[in-house]
Amino acid sequence: MNRFANLADRKPKDESTANTAPASPVAQIPTPPSRVGRKAISGYFAPELSLALHTCARRNGLSLQDLMAEAFDDVLRKYGESPIGR
């Protein structure tokens, strides 16, 4: 049996706390200008690949994002699509 199965059926111990107002919403952090109009792409890879990509970017004076953009453009060209770049 799921150890959380009965949680939905439980009533609050103190009925006076059941009708309290919800906590105030979290303040929104403004989007950095470098991310405006951009969309994140992520994936899970082996730690060795992460290290290799970071090392390659550093050796070539690039950010990891610039290195990945170059790699994605190469893949798009390979499959006959137009490269997008940054």
Protein backbone atom coordinates (compact mmCIF):
# COMPACT_ATOMS: atom_id res chain seq x y z
CA MET A 1 0.00 0.00 0.00
CA ASN A 2 1.20 3.50 -0.79
CA ARG A 3 2.34 5.24 2.37
CA PHE A 4 0.77 8.51 1.18
CA ALA A 5 -2.63 7.05 0.27
CA ASN A 6 -4.39 8.30 3.40
CA LEU A 7 -3.03 11.85 3.35
CA ALA A 8 -5.82 13.19 1.14
CA ASP A 9 -8.44 11.84 3.55
CA ARG A 10 -7.00 13.42 6.67
CA LYS A 11 -8.51 16.54 8.15
CA PRO A 12 -6.37 19.28 9.68
CA LYS A 13 -5.78 18.84 13.41
CA ASP A 14 -6.86 22.41 14.09
CA GLU A 15 -9.93 23.45 12.10
CA SER A 16 -9.06 27.16 12.56
CA THR A 17 -5.92 26.74 10.40
CA ALA A 18 -7.88 25.17 7.55
CA ASN A 19 -9.36 28.51 6.48
CA THR A 20 -6.24 30.66 6.58
CA ALA A 21 -5.18 32.60 3.50
CA PRO A 22 -2.50 31.02 1.32
CA ALA A 23 1.04 32.27 1.58
CA SER A 24 1.94 35.26 -0.58
CA PRO A 25 3.10 34.35 -4.09
CA VAL A 26 6.81 34.19 -4.79
CA ALA A 27 8.18 37.38 -6.31
CA GLN A 28 9.05 36.94 -9.96
CA ILE A 29 12.69 37.42 -10.84
CA PRO A 30 13.12 39.45 -14.02
CA THR A 31 14.44 37.57 -17.05
CA PRO A 32 18.07 38.47 -17.82
CA PRO A 33 18.41 40.33 -21.16
CA SER A 34 20.62 37.51 -22.50
CA ARG A 35 17.67 35.09 -22.19
CA VAL A 36 14.92 37.25 -23.68
CA GLY A 37 13.58 35.60 -26.84
CA ARG A 38 15.51 32.38 -26.17
CA LYS A 39 14.44 28.88 -25.24
CA ALA A 40 16.40 26.38 -23.16
CA ILE A 41 17.36 23.00 -24.66
CA SER A 42 18.69 20.40 -22.27
CA GLY A 43 19.53 16.72 -22.08
CA TYR A 44 21.15 14.18 -19.79
CA PHE A 45 24.52 12.86 -20.87
CA ALA A 46 27.44 10.94 -19.43
CA PRO A 47 29.72 12.92 -17.12
CA GLU A 48 32.60 12.19 -19.50
CA LEU A 49 30.79 13.98 -22.34
CA SER A 50 30.09 16.98 -20.12
CA LEU A 51 33.75 17.20 -19.15
CA ALA A 52 34.87 16.82 -22.77
CA LEU A 53 32.54 19.58 -23.97
CA HIS A 54 33.54 21.97 -21.19
CA THR A 55 37.24 21.25 -21.84
CA CYS A 56 36.84 21.76 -25.60
CA ALA A 57 34.98 25.03 -25.11
CA ARG A 58 37.60 26.31 -22.69
CA ARG A 59 40.53 25.35 -24.94
CA ASN A 60 38.94 27.22 -27.83
CA GLY A 61 37.95 30.29 -25.84
CA LEU A 62 34.23 29.64 -26.25
CA SER A 63 31.36 29.41 -23.84
CA LEU A 64 29.64 26.05 -23.61
CA GLN A 65 26.55 27.65 -25.16
CA ASP A 66 28.56 28.90 -28.16
CA LEU A 67 30.12 25.44 -28.61
CA MET A 68 26.70 23.80 -28.47
CA ALA A 69 25.25 26.30 -30.98
CA GLU A 70 28.09 25.43 -33.37
CA ALA A 71 27.43 21.71 -32.89
CA PHE A 72 23.69 22.12 -33.45
CA ASP A 73 24.35 24.12 -36.63
CA ASP A 74 26.60 21.29 -37.88
CA VAL A 75 23.85 18.73 -37.21
CA LEU A 76 21.26 20.88 -38.98
CA ARG A 77 23.55 21.19 -42.04
CA LYS A 78 24.16 17.42 -42.00
CA TYR A 79 20.43 16.77 -42.23
CA GLY A 80 19.80 19.43 -44.89
CA GLU A 81 18.32 22.10 -42.64
CA SER A 82 19.35 25.74 -42.48
CA PRO A 83 21.69 26.53 -39.59
CA ILE A 84 20.16 28.88 -37.04
CA GLY A 85 23.18 29.77 -34.89
CA ARG A 86 22.84 32.12 -31.97
